[in-house]
Each structure stands twice: as C-alpha cells, then as structure tokens.
PDB file of all heavy atoms in Angstrom:
ATOM      1  N   ILE A   1       0.832  -1.203   0.000  1.00  0.00           N
ATOM      2  CA  ILE A   1       0.000   0.000   0.000  1.00  0.00           C
ATOM      3  C   ILE A   1       0.868   1.255   0.000  1.00  0.00           C
ATOM      4  O   ILE A   1       0.551   2.245  -0.682  1.00  0.00           O
ATOM      5  CB  ILE A   1      -0.958   0.001   1.204  1.00  0.00           C
ATOM      6  CG1 ILE A   1      -1.976  -1.137   1.078  1.00  0.00           C
ATOM      7  CG2 ILE A   1      -1.680   1.343   1.319  1.00  0.00           C
ATOM      8  CD1 ILE A   1      -2.868  -1.047  -0.145  1.00  0.00           C
ATOM      9  N   ALA A   2       1.972   1.241   0.736  1.00  0.00           N
ATOM     10  CA  ALA A   2       2.837   2.425   0.770  1.00  0.00           C
ATOM     11  C   ALA A   2       3.439   2.705  -0.608  1.00  0.00           C
ATOM     12  O   ALA A   2       3.539   3.864  -1.026  1.00  0.00           O
ATOM     13  CB  ALA A   2       3.940   2.238   1.806  1.00  0.00           C
ATOM     14  N   THR A   3       3.841   1.660  -1.309  1.00  0.00           N
ATOM     15  CA  THR A   3       4.378   1.847  -2.662  1.00  0.00           C
ATOM     16  C   THR A   3       3.317   2.420  -3.581  1.00  0.00           C
ATOM     17  O   THR A   3       3.572   3.332  -4.378  1.00  0.00           O
ATOM     18  CB  THR A   3       4.893   0.510  -3.216  1.00  0.00           C
ATOM     19  OG1 THR A   3       5.881  -0.011  -2.329  1.00  0.00           O
ATOM     20  CG2 THR A   3       5.493   0.679  -4.603  1.00  0.00           C
ATOM     21  N   TRP A   4       2.110   1.888  -3.468  1.00  0.00           N
ATOM     22  CA  TRP A   4       1.007   2.385  -4.300  1.00  0.00           C
ATOM     23  C   TRP A   4       0.691   3.843  -3.983  1.00  0.00           C
ATOM     24  O   TRP A   4       0.554   4.670  -4.895  1.00  0.00           O
ATOM     25  CB  TRP A   4      -0.224   1.512  -4.078  1.00  0.00           C
ATOM     26  CG  TRP A   4      -1.448   2.011  -4.757  1.00  0.00           C
ATOM     27  CD1 TRP A   4      -1.704   1.998  -6.094  1.00  0.00           C
ATOM     28  CD2 TRP A   4      -2.587   2.620  -4.126  1.00  0.00           C
ATOM     29  NE1 TRP A   4      -2.936   2.563  -6.342  1.00  0.00           N
ATOM     30  CE2 TRP A   4      -3.494   2.942  -5.163  1.00  0.00           C
ATOM     31  CE3 TRP A   4      -2.921   2.897  -2.814  1.00  0.00           C
ATOM     32  CZ2 TRP A   4      -4.724   3.549  -4.893  1.00  0.00           C
ATOM     33  CZ3 TRP A   4      -4.142   3.496  -2.555  1.00  0.00           C
ATOM     34  CH2 TRP A   4      -5.028   3.819  -3.592  1.00  0.00           C
ATOM     35  N   VAL A   5       0.581   4.176  -2.697  1.00  0.00           N
ATOM     36  CA  VAL A   5       0.328   5.562  -2.301  1.00  0.00           C
ATOM     37  C   VAL A   5       1.418   6.476  -2.857  1.00  0.00           C
ATOM     38  O   VAL A   5       1.139   7.570  -3.358  1.00  0.00           O
ATOM     39  CB  VAL A   5       0.246   5.684  -0.758  1.00  0.00           C
ATOM     40  CG1 VAL A   5       0.341   7.143  -0.319  1.00  0.00           C
ATOM     41  CG2 VAL A   5      -1.057   5.079  -0.250  1.00  0.00           C
ATOM     42  N   ALA A   6       2.661   6.022  -2.794  1.00  0.00           N
ATOM     43  CA  ALA A   6       3.779   6.841  -3.250  1.00  0.00           C
ATOM     44  C   ALA A   6       3.686   7.147  -4.740  1.00  0.00           C
ATOM     45  O   ALA A   6       3.822   8.305  -5.161  1.00  0.00           O
ATOM     46  CB  ALA A   6       5.101   6.136  -2.932  1.00  0.00           C
ATOM     47  N   VAL A   7       3.454   6.121  -5.565  1.00  0.00           N
ATOM     48  CA  VAL A   7       3.447   6.356  -7.014  1.00  0.00           C
ATOM     49  C   VAL A   7       2.225   7.154  -7.449  1.00  0.00           C
ATOM     50  O   VAL A   7       2.282   7.914  -8.425  1.00  0.00           O
ATOM     51  CB  VAL A   7       3.551   5.034  -7.814  1.00  0.00           C
ATOM     52  CG1 VAL A   7       4.859   4.314  -7.498  1.00  0.00           C
ATOM     53  CG2 VAL A   7       2.361   4.125  -7.572  1.00  0.00           C
ATOM     54  N   VAL A   8       1.124   7.018  -6.727  1.00  0.00           N
ATOM     55  CA  VAL A   8      -0.062   7.813  -7.054  1.00  0.00           C
ATOM     56  C   VAL A   8       0.149   9.266  -6.632  1.00  0.00           C
ATOM     57  O   VAL A   8      -0.200  10.205  -7.360  1.00  0.00           O
ATOM     58  CB  VAL A   8      -1.320   7.210  -6.396  1.00  0.00           C
ATOM     59  CG1 VAL A   8      -2.534   8.107  -6.638  1.00  0.00           C
ATOM     60  CG2 VAL A   8      -1.591   5.816  -6.936  1.00  0.00           C
ATOM     61  N   GLN A   9       0.715   9.452  -5.449  1.00  0.00           N
ATOM     62  CA  GLN A   9       0.957  10.802  -4.935  1.00  0.00           C
ATOM     63  C   GLN A   9       1.888  11.587  -5.848  1.00  0.00           C
ATOM     64  O   GLN A   9       1.623  12.744  -6.184  1.00  0.00           O
ATOM     65  CB  GLN A   9       1.566  10.708  -3.525  1.00  0.00           C
ATOM     66  CG  GLN A   9       1.796  12.040  -2.843  1.00  0.00           C
ATOM     67  CD  GLN A   9       0.548  12.592  -2.185  1.00  0.00           C
ATOM     68  OE1 GLN A   9      -0.435  11.870  -2.025  1.00  0.00           O
ATOM     69  NE2 GLN A   9       0.556  13.852  -1.807  1.00  0.00           N
ATOM     70  N   ILE A  10       2.984  10.969  -6.260  1.00  0.00           N
ATOM     71  CA  ILE A  10       3.954  11.688  -7.103  1.00  0.00           C
ATOM     72  C   ILE A  10       3.365  11.946  -8.482  1.00  0.00           C
ATOM     73  O   ILE A  10       3.543  13.024  -9.062  1.00  0.00           O
ATOM     74  CB  ILE A  10       5.269  10.903  -7.217  1.00  0.00           C
ATOM     75  CG1 ILE A  10       5.886  10.656  -5.834  1.00  0.00           C
ATOM     76  CG2 ILE A  10       6.272  11.677  -8.082  1.00  0.00           C
ATOM     77  CD1 ILE A  10       7.100   9.747  -5.861  1.00  0.00           C
ATOM     78  N   GLN A  11       2.630  10.976  -9.032  1.00  0.00           N
ATOM     79  CA  GLN A  11       2.045  11.166 -10.362  1.00  0.00           C
ATOM     80  C   GLN A  11       1.013  12.282 -10.371  1.00  0.00           C
ATOM     81  O   GLN A  11       0.880  13.007 -11.363  1.00  0.00           O
ATOM     82  CB  GLN A  11       1.410   9.859 -10.850  1.00  0.00           C
ATOM     83  CG  GLN A  11       1.036   9.845 -12.317  1.00  0.00           C
ATOM     84  CD  GLN A  11      -0.419  10.252 -12.587  1.00  0.00           C
ATOM     85  OE1 GLN A  11      -1.178  10.498 -11.644  1.00  0.00           O
ATOM     86  NE2 GLN A  11      -0.797  10.302 -13.850  1.00  0.00           N
ATOM     87  N   ALA A  12       0.267  12.424  -9.272  1.00  0.00           N
ATOM     88  CA  ALA A  12      -0.731  13.491  -9.199  1.00  0.00           C
ATOM     89  C   ALA A  12      -0.063  14.853  -9.325  1.00  0.00           C
ATOM     90  O   ALA A  12      -0.616  15.783  -9.914  1.00  0.00           O
ATOM     91  CB  ALA A  12      -1.497  13.403  -7.874  1.00  0.00           C
ATOM     92  N   ARG A  13       1.133  14.953  -8.801  1.00  0.00           N
ATOM     93  CA  ARG A  13       1.869  16.212  -8.886  1.00  0.00           C
ATOM     94  C   ARG A  13       2.559  16.378 -10.224  1.00  0.00           C
ATOM     95  O   ARG A  13       2.483  17.444 -10.849  1.00  0.00           O
ATOM     96  CB  ARG A  13       2.907  16.255  -7.766  1.00  0.00           C
ATOM     97  CG  ARG A  13       3.826  17.451  -7.841  1.00  0.00           C
ATOM     98  CD  ARG A  13       4.760  17.479  -6.663  1.00  0.00           C
ATOM     99  NE  ARG A  13       5.803  18.450  -6.854  1.00  0.00           N
ATOM    100  CZ  ARG A  13       6.768  18.675  -5.971  1.00  0.00           C
ATOM    101  NH1 ARG A  13       6.789  17.989  -4.849  1.00  0.00           N
ATOM    102  NH2 ARG A  13       7.699  19.568  -6.214  1.00  0.00           N
ATOM    103  N   SER A  14       3.256  15.324 -10.691  1.00  0.00           N
ATOM    104  CA  SER A  14       3.992  15.420 -11.952  1.00  0.00           C
ATOM    105  C   SER A  14       4.343  14.030 -12.461  1.00  0.00           C
ATOM    106  O   SER A  14       5.179  13.346 -11.850  1.00  0.00           O
ATOM    107  CB  SER A  14       5.277  16.229 -11.751  1.00  0.00           C
ATOM    108  OG  SER A  14       6.130  16.102 -12.876  1.00  0.00           O
ATOM    109  N   PRO A  15       3.745  13.582 -13.566  1.00  0.00           N
ATOM    110  CA  PRO A  15       4.122  12.290 -14.135  1.00  0.00           C
ATOM    111  C   PRO A  15       5.613  12.217 -14.470  1.00  0.00           C
ATOM    112  O   PRO A  15       6.240  11.180 -14.292  1.00  0.00           O
ATOM    113  CB  PRO A  15       3.265  12.204 -15.406  1.00  0.00           C
ATOM    114  CG  PRO A  15       2.082  13.064 -15.119  1.00  0.00           C
ATOM    115  CD  PRO A  15       2.614  14.193 -14.297  1.00  0.00           C
ATOM    116  N   GLY A  16       6.171  13.329 -14.953  1.00  0.00           N
ATOM    117  CA  GLY A  16       7.591  13.339 -15.274  1.00  0.00           C
ATOM    118  C   GLY A  16       8.459  13.128 -14.052  1.00  0.00           C
ATOM    119  O   GLY A  16       9.493  12.442 -14.111  1.00  0.00           O
ATOM    120  N   LEU A  17       8.057  13.706 -12.921  1.00  0.00           N
ATOM    121  CA  LEU A  17       8.807  13.524 -11.681  1.00  0.00           C
ATOM    122  C   LEU A  17       8.761  12.066 -11.238  1.00  0.00           C
ATOM    123  O   LEU A  17       9.772  11.513 -10.793  1.00  0.00           O
ATOM    124  CB  LEU A  17       8.238  14.431 -10.588  1.00  0.00           C
ATOM    125  CG  LEU A  17       8.921  14.360  -9.224  1.00  0.00           C
ATOM    126  CD1 LEU A  17      10.402  14.702  -9.330  1.00  0.00           C
ATOM    127  CD2 LEU A  17       8.217  15.273  -8.228  1.00  0.00           C
ATOM    128  N   LEU A  18       7.601  11.438 -11.359  1.00  0.00           N
ATOM    129  CA  LEU A  18       7.497  10.020 -10.992  1.00  0.00           C
ATOM    130  C   LEU A  18       8.391   9.170 -11.890  1.00  0.00           C
ATOM    131  O   LEU A  18       9.082   8.266 -11.414  1.00  0.00           O
ATOM    132  CB  LEU A  18       6.047   9.547 -11.088  1.00  0.00           C
ATOM    133  CG  LEU A  18       5.833   8.051 -10.811  1.00  0.00           C
ATOM    134  CD1 LEU A  18       6.385   7.648  -9.449  1.00  0.00           C
ATOM    135  CD2 LEU A  18       4.352   7.692 -10.923  1.00  0.00           C
ATOM    136  N   LEU A  19       8.377   9.453 -13.184  1.00  0.00           N
ATOM    137  CA  LEU A  19       9.232   8.695 -14.100  1.00  0.00           C
ATOM    138  C   LEU A  19      10.699   8.862 -13.713  1.00  0.00           C
ATOM    139  O   LEU A  19      11.469   7.887 -13.716  1.00  0.00           O
ATOM    140  CB  LEU A  19       9.012   9.177 -15.537  1.00  0.00           C
ATOM    141  CG  LEU A  19       9.826   8.455 -16.618  1.00  0.00           C
ATOM    142  CD1 LEU A  19       9.478   6.976 -16.657  1.00  0.00           C
ATOM    143  CD2 LEU A  19       9.582   9.100 -17.978  1.00  0.00           C
ATOM    144  N   ALA A  20      11.103  10.080 -13.363  1.00  0.00           N
ATOM    145  CA  ALA A  20      12.486  10.327 -12.965  1.00  0.00           C
ATOM    146  C   ALA A  20      12.837   9.560 -11.695  1.00  0.00           C
ATOM    147  O   ALA A  20      13.943   9.026 -11.560  1.00  0.00           O
ATOM    148  CB  ALA A  20      12.709  11.829 -12.759  1.00  0.00           C
ATOM    149  N   MET A  21      11.901   9.493 -10.750  1.00  0.00           N
ATOM    150  CA  MET A  21      12.142   8.767  -9.507  1.00  0.00           C
ATOM    151  C   MET A  21      12.231   7.260  -9.752  1.00  0.00           C
ATOM    152  O   MET A  21      13.110   6.579  -9.206  1.00  0.00           O
ATOM    153  CB  MET A  21      11.028   9.076  -8.500  1.00  0.00           C
ATOM    154  CG  MET A  21      11.068  10.475  -7.929  1.00  0.00           C
ATOM    155  SD  MET A  21      12.535  10.751  -6.911  1.00  0.00           S
ATOM    156  CE  MET A  21      12.106  12.245  -6.045  1.00  0.00           C
ATOM    157  N   MET A  22      11.337   6.730 -10.562  1.00  0.00           N
ATOM    158  CA  MET A  22      11.387   5.296 -10.833  1.00  0.00           C
ATOM    159  C   MET A  22      12.637   4.929 -11.622  1.00  0.00           C
ATOM    160  O   MET A  22      13.183   3.834 -11.472  1.00  0.00           O
ATOM    161  CB  MET A  22      10.124   4.864 -11.592  1.00  0.00           C
ATOM    162  CG  MET A  22       8.859   4.940 -10.773  1.00  0.00           C
ATOM    163  SD  MET A  22       7.437   4.101 -11.518  1.00  0.00           S
ATOM    164  CE  MET A  22       7.211   5.073 -13.011  1.00  0.00           C
ATOM    165  N   ALA A  23      13.113   5.862 -12.446  1.00  0.00           N
ATOM    166  CA  ALA A  23      14.312   5.602 -13.239  1.00  0.00           C
ATOM    167  C   ALA A  23      15.537   5.391 -12.356  1.00  0.00           C
ATOM    168  O   ALA A  23      16.481   4.707 -12.748  1.00  0.00           O
ATOM    169  CB  ALA A  23      14.558   6.745 -14.223  1.00  0.00           C
ATOM    170  N   ILE A  24      15.532   5.969 -11.148  1.00  0.00           N
ATOM    171  CA  ILE A  24      16.631   5.728 -10.208  1.00  0.00           C
ATOM    172  C   ILE A  24      16.778   4.233  -9.961  1.00  0.00           C
ATOM    173  O   ILE A  24      17.882   3.680  -9.994  1.00  0.00           O
ATOM    174  CB  ILE A  24      16.385   6.467  -8.877  1.00  0.00           C
ATOM    175  CG1 ILE A  24      16.384   7.978  -9.087  1.00  0.00           C
ATOM    176  CG2 ILE A  24      17.431   6.062  -7.834  1.00  0.00           C
ATOM    177  CD1 ILE A  24      15.916   8.760  -7.867  1.00  0.00           C
ATOM    178  N   VAL A  25      15.663   3.574  -9.736  1.00  0.00           N
ATOM    179  CA  VAL A  25      15.657   2.134  -9.458  1.00  0.00           C
ATOM    180  C   VAL A  25      16.095   1.357 -10.694  1.00  0.00           C
ATOM    181  O   VAL A  25      16.907   0.430 -10.606  1.00  0.00           O
ATOM    182  CB  VAL A  25      14.261   1.691  -8.994  1.00  0.00           C
ATOM    183  CG1 VAL A  25      14.172   0.170  -8.894  1.00  0.00           C
ATOM    184  CG2 VAL A  25      13.925   2.335  -7.664  1.00  0.00           C
ATOM    185  N   TRP A  26      15.572   1.725 -11.849  1.00  0.00           N
ATOM    186  CA  TRP A  26      15.895   0.991 -13.076  1.00  0.00           C
ATOM    187  C   TRP A  26      17.369   1.154 -13.438  1.00  0.00           C
ATOM    188  O   TRP A  26      18.012   0.190 -13.872  1.00  0.00           O
ATOM    189  CB  TRP A  26      15.000   1.486 -14.207  1.00  0.00           C
ATOM    190  CG  TRP A  26      13.542   1.301 -13.935  1.00  0.00           C
ATOM    191  CD1 TRP A  26      12.966   0.350 -13.140  1.00  0.00           C
ATOM    192  CD2 TRP A  26      12.472   2.103 -14.442  1.00  0.00           C
ATOM    193  NE1 TRP A  26      11.599   0.506 -13.124  1.00  0.00           N
ATOM    194  CE2 TRP A  26      11.266   1.575 -13.907  1.00  0.00           C
ATOM    195  CE3 TRP A  26      12.405   3.208 -15.294  1.00  0.00           C
ATOM    196  CZ2 TRP A  26      10.022   2.115 -14.208  1.00  0.00           C
ATOM    197  CZ3 TRP A  26      11.154   3.752 -15.590  1.00  0.00           C
ATOM    198  CH2 TRP A  26       9.989   3.208 -15.052  1.00  0.00           C
ATOM    199  N   ILE A  27      17.898   2.350 -13.257  1.00  0.00           N
ATOM    200  CA  ILE A  27      19.319   2.579 -13.555  1.00  0.00           C
ATOM    201  C   ILE A  27      20.186   1.800 -12.579  1.00  0.00           C
ATOM    202  O   ILE A  27      21.189   1.177 -12.971  1.00  0.00           O
ATOM    203  CB  ILE A  27      19.641   4.082 -13.512  1.00  0.00           C
ATOM    204  CG1 ILE A  27      18.985   4.782 -14.709  1.00  0.00           C
ATOM    205  CG2 ILE A  27      21.136   4.326 -13.498  1.00  0.00           C
ATOM    206  CD1 ILE A  27      19.033   6.292 -14.638  1.00  0.00           C
ATOM    207  N   ALA A  28      19.823   1.820 -11.307  1.00  0.00           N
ATOM    208  CA  ALA A  28      20.593   1.074 -10.311  1.00  0.00           C
ATOM    209  C   ALA A  28      20.597  -0.415 -10.628  1.00  0.00           C
ATOM    210  O   ALA A  28      21.648  -1.073 -10.577  1.00  0.00           O
ATOM    211  CB  ALA A  28      20.005   1.313  -8.912  1.00  0.00           C
ATOM    212  N   ASP A  29      19.446  -0.949 -10.988  1.00  0.00           N
ATOM    213  CA  ASP A  29      19.342  -2.380 -11.290  1.00  0.00           C
ATOM    214  C   ASP A  29      20.160  -2.742 -12.523  1.00  0.00           C
ATOM    215  O   ASP A  29      20.880  -3.752 -12.544  1.00  0.00           O
ATOM    216  CB  ASP A  29      17.872  -2.740 -11.492  1.00  0.00           C
ATOM    217  CG  ASP A  29      17.679  -4.235 -11.702  1.00  0.00           C
ATOM    218  OD1 ASP A  29      18.046  -5.023 -10.811  1.00  0.00           O
ATOM    219  OD2 ASP A  29      17.163  -4.621 -12.765  1.00  0.00           O
ATOM    220  N   THR A  30      20.061  -1.922 -13.563  1.00  0.00           N
ATOM    221  CA  THR A  30      20.786  -2.200 -14.806  1.00  0.00           C
ATOM    222  C   THR A  30      22.300  -2.106 -14.598  1.00  0.00           C
ATOM    223  O   THR A  30      23.062  -2.977 -15.044  1.00  0.00           O
ATOM    224  CB  THR A  30      20.354  -1.208 -15.897  1.00  0.00           C
ATOM    225  OG1 THR A  30      18.938  -1.312 -16.095  1.00  0.00           O
ATOM    226  CG2 THR A  30      21.058  -1.514 -17.211  1.00  0.00           C
ATOM    227  N   ALA A  31      22.736  -1.052 -13.908  1.00  0.00           N
ATOM    228  CA  ALA A  31      24.170  -0.883 -13.667  1.00  0.00           C
ATOM    229  C   ALA A  31      24.716  -2.007 -12.799  1.00  0.00           C
ATOM    230  O   ALA A  31      25.815  -2.521 -13.043  1.00  0.00           O
ATOM    231  CB  ALA A  31      24.426   0.472 -13.001  1.00  0.00           C
ATOM    232  N   ALA A  32      23.959  -2.403 -11.773  1.00  0.00           N
ATOM    233  CA  ALA A  32      24.409  -3.489 -10.899  1.00  0.00           C
ATOM    234  C   ALA A  32      24.582  -4.780 -11.684  1.00  0.00           C
ATOM    235  O   ALA A  32      25.544  -5.533 -11.458  1.00  0.00           O
ATOM    236  CB  ALA A  32      23.405  -3.688  -9.763  1.00  0.00           C
ATOM    237  N   TYR A  33      23.678  -5.017 -12.617  1.00  0.00           N
ATOM    238  CA  TYR A  33      23.747  -6.246 -13.414  1.00  0.00           C
ATOM    239  C   TYR A  33      25.000  -6.271 -14.283  1.00  0.00           C
ATOM    240  O   TYR A  33      25.780  -7.240 -14.253  1.00  0.00           O
ATOM    241  CB  TYR A  33      22.496  -6.365 -14.283  1.00  0.00           C
ATOM    242  CG  TYR A  33      22.531  -7.553 -15.233  1.00  0.00           C
ATOM    243  CD1 TYR A  33      22.287  -8.842 -14.764  1.00  0.00           C
ATOM    244  CD2 TYR A  33      22.818  -7.367 -16.581  1.00  0.00           C
ATOM    245  CE1 TYR A  33      22.325  -9.926 -15.628  1.00  0.00           C
ATOM    246  CE2 TYR A  33      22.860  -8.441 -17.453  1.00  0.00           C
ATOM    247  CZ  TYR A  33      22.605  -9.718 -16.975  1.00  0.00           C
ATOM    248  OH  TYR A  33      22.656 -10.795 -17.833  1.00  0.00           O
ATOM    249  N   PHE A  34      25.219  -5.193 -15.051  1.00  0.00           N
ATOM    250  CA  PHE A  34      26.329  -5.199 -15.997  1.00  0.00           C
ATOM    251  C   PHE A  34      27.687  -5.053 -15.305  1.00  0.00           C
ATOM    252  O   PHE A  34      28.653  -5.721 -15.678  1.00  0.00           O
ATOM    253  CB  PHE A  34      26.134  -4.099 -17.038  1.00  0.00           C
ATOM    254  CG  PHE A  34      25.091  -4.434 -18.058  1.00  0.00           C
ATOM    255  CD1 PHE A  34      23.849  -3.807 -18.049  1.00  0.00           C
ATOM    256  CD2 PHE A  34      25.336  -5.389 -19.030  1.00  0.00           C
ATOM    257  CE1 PHE A  34      22.878  -4.128 -18.995  1.00  0.00           C
ATOM    258  CE2 PHE A  34      24.375  -5.715 -19.975  1.00  0.00           C
ATOM    259  CZ  PHE A  34      23.141  -5.089 -19.952  1.00  0.00           C
ATOM    260  N   VAL A  35      27.773  -4.203 -14.288  1.00  0.00           N
ATOM    261  CA  VAL A  35      29.029  -4.061 -13.552  1.00  0.00           C
ATOM    262  C   VAL A  35      29.340  -5.347 -12.803  1.00  0.00           C
ATOM    263  O   VAL A  35      30.495  -5.794 -12.759  1.00  0.00           O
ATOM    264  CB  VAL A  35      28.973  -2.858 -12.592  1.00  0.00           C
ATOM    265  CG1 VAL A  35      30.220  -2.816 -11.710  1.00  0.00           C
ATOM    266  CG2 VAL A  35      28.835  -1.557 -13.377  1.00  0.00           C
ATOM    267  N   GLY A  36      28.305  -5.943 -12.221  1.00  0.00           N
ATOM    268  CA  GLY A  36      28.512  -7.194 -11.504  1.00  0.00           C
ATOM    269  C   GLY A  36      29.002  -8.308 -12.410  1.00  0.00           C
ATOM    270  O   GLY A  36      29.882  -9.095 -12.036  1.00  0.00           O
ATOM    271  N   ARG A  37      28.456  -8.385 -13.614  1.00  0.00           N
ATOM    272  CA  ARG A  37      28.885  -9.414 -14.559  1.00  0.00           C
ATOM    273  C   ARG A  37      30.334  -9.208 -14.991  1.00  0.00           C
ATOM    274  O   ARG A  37      31.080 -10.171 -15.180  1.00  0.00           O
ATOM    275  CB  ARG A  37      27.977  -9.419 -15.785  1.00  0.00           C
ATOM    276  CG  ARG A  37      26.601 -10.019 -15.547  1.00  0.00           C
ATOM    277  CD  ARG A  37      25.910 -10.330 -16.852  1.00  0.00           C
ATOM    278  NE  ARG A  37      26.627 -11.337 -17.635  1.00  0.00           N
ATOM    279  CZ  ARG A  37      26.222 -11.769 -18.823  1.00  0.00           C
ATOM    280  NH1 ARG A  37      25.122 -11.283 -19.377  1.00  0.00           N
ATOM    281  NH2 ARG A  37      26.905 -12.680 -19.477  1.00  0.00           N
ATOM    282  N   ARG A  38      30.712  -7.950 -15.152  1.00  0.00           N
ATOM    283  CA  ARG A  38      32.061  -7.662 -15.659  1.00  0.00           C
ATOM    284  C   ARG A  38      33.126  -7.679 -14.563  1.00  0.00           C
ATOM    285  O   ARG A  38      34.225  -8.198 -14.756  1.00  0.00           O
ATOM    286  CB  ARG A  38      32.053  -6.285 -16.345  1.00  0.00           C
ATOM    287  CG  ARG A  38      33.420  -5.835 -16.853  1.00  0.00           C
ATOM    288  CD  ARG A  38      33.941  -6.756 -17.943  1.00  0.00           C
ATOM    289  NE  ARG A  38      35.243  -6.320 -18.431  1.00  0.00           N
ATOM    290  CZ  ARG A  38      36.404  -6.619 -17.865  1.00  0.00           C
ATOM    291  NH1 ARG A  38      36.430  -7.362 -16.755  1.00  0.00           N
ATOM    292  NH2 ARG A  38      37.534  -6.184 -18.384  1.00  0.00           N
TER     293      ARG A  38
END
C-alpha cells in the first residue's frame, strides 16, 4: 500500500517527476547487473 500511495501521490503532482524517480531504481538495477557481470 505504501508503494502504491507513493506512485499515485507523485504522479498526481507530476508524471515526469514520478518517471524520474522510478528511473533511479531501473538505472541502479541495470548498472548493478552489468558491472557485476564484468
């Protein structure tokens, strides 16, 4: 529920801001995968 409240709250203010915040997670996951493999 907290995750849901968070993404709804941020999107209500700015969809672009929510996308930027979620991208933090996606970038971290992608970098961890490729750096870890190498």
